[in-house]
Amino acid sequence: MNRMQREAAVRRLMERGTPQVPADLYGDVVRRGSRMLRRRSLARRAMWLLLLAASVAFVVWALTARPWVEPPSTTTPPMTGW
């Protein structure tokens, strides 16, 4: 398709005016949109709850395991200087 044909096709589309939309389409769109919004908000709440649970689990683990403390030695250090 060359440039002249494309321009003619675009002009035809623009001259036709606004397309006619079926009357019952609006209700379907509103219903689907509200359903999508509910699902998104539910998913967002679930993610925040999951993040909170993971944070609490990490804090509890850190307080009980104390990974920052050096583990006790299992061998006796050599005796020097006798």
Protein backbone atom coordinates (compact mmCIF):
# COMPACT_ATOMS: atom_id res chain seq x y z
CA MET A 1 0.00 0.00 0.00
CA ASN A 2 1.52 3.30 -1.02
CA ARG A 3 1.13 6.60 0.76
CA MET A 4 -1.76 7.86 -1.39
CA GLN A 5 -3.80 4.71 -0.75
CA ARG A 6 -3.16 4.92 2.98
CA GLU A 7 -4.21 8.56 3.10
CA ALA A 8 -7.38 7.78 1.13
CA ALA A 9 -8.21 4.92 3.52
CA VAL A 10 -7.72 7.18 6.54
CA ARG A 11 -9.90 9.90 4.98
CA ARG A 12 -12.68 7.38 4.34
CA LEU A 13 -12.51 6.23 7.96
CA MET A 14 -12.62 9.79 9.28
CA GLU A 15 -15.51 10.83 7.02
CA ARG A 16 -17.74 7.98 8.17
CA GLY A 17 -18.16 9.61 11.57
CA THR A 18 -18.56 7.94 14.92
CA PRO A 19 -19.31 4.23 14.90
CA GLN A 20 -22.58 2.98 16.34
CA VAL A 21 -22.20 1.01 19.57
CA PRO A 22 -24.81 -1.56 20.65
CA ALA A 23 -26.97 -0.32 23.52
CA ASP A 24 -26.39 -3.33 25.81
CA LEU A 25 -22.62 -3.05 25.48
CA TYR A 26 -22.38 -0.31 28.11
CA GLY A 27 -23.81 -2.51 30.88
CA ASP A 28 -21.45 -5.35 30.03
CA VAL A 29 -18.46 -3.02 30.05
CA VAL A 30 -19.39 -1.52 33.41
CA ARG A 31 -19.91 -4.97 34.92
CA ARG A 32 -16.57 -6.25 33.63
CA GLY A 33 -14.77 -3.11 34.72
CA SER A 34 -16.12 -3.28 38.25
CA ARG A 35 -15.20 -6.97 38.40
CA MET A 36 -11.65 -6.16 37.26
CA LEU A 37 -11.35 -3.43 39.88
CA ARG A 38 -12.54 -5.79 42.63
CA ARG A 39 -10.06 -8.46 41.54
CA ARG A 40 -7.19 -5.97 41.43
CA SER A 41 -7.97 -4.61 44.88
CA LEU A 42 -8.29 -8.15 46.25
CA ALA A 43 -4.97 -9.13 44.67
CA ARG A 44 -3.33 -5.97 46.05
CA ARG A 45 -4.63 -6.72 49.55
CA ALA A 46 -3.43 -10.32 49.31
CA MET A 47 0.04 -9.19 48.25
CA TRP A 48 0.25 -6.73 51.15
CA LEU A 49 -0.90 -9.46 53.54
CA LEU A 50 1.70 -11.85 52.12
CA LEU A 51 4.41 -9.19 52.49
CA LEU A 52 3.35 -8.53 56.09
CA ALA A 53 3.35 -12.26 56.92
CA ALA A 54 6.80 -12.70 55.36
CA SER A 55 8.13 -9.73 57.33
CA VAL A 56 6.75 -11.06 60.61
CA ALA A 57 8.16 -14.52 59.87
CA PHE A 58 11.58 -13.04 59.12
CA VAL A 59 11.61 -10.99 62.32
CA VAL A 60 10.59 -13.98 64.44
CA TRP A 61 13.25 -16.14 62.78
CA ALA A 62 15.92 -13.48 63.27
CA LEU A 63 15.06 -13.06 66.93
CA THR A 64 15.15 -16.80 67.62
CA ALA A 65 18.09 -17.86 65.41
CA ARG A 66 20.26 -14.77 66.01
CA PRO A 67 22.26 -15.10 62.76
CA TRP A 68 24.45 -12.13 63.69
CA VAL A 69 25.94 -13.91 66.74
CA GLU A 70 29.11 -15.93 66.19
CA PRO A 71 28.53 -19.62 66.94
CA PRO A 72 30.43 -21.07 69.91
CA SER A 73 33.71 -22.83 69.20
CA THR A 74 33.59 -26.61 69.19
CA THR A 75 37.31 -27.09 69.91
CA THR A 76 39.52 -25.79 72.66
CA PRO A 77 42.04 -23.18 71.57
CA PRO A 78 45.72 -24.29 71.82
CA MET A 79 47.46 -23.44 75.05
CA THR A 80 50.52 -21.27 74.49
CA GLY A 81 52.91 -19.55 76.80
CA TRP A 82 53.48 -22.27 79.47
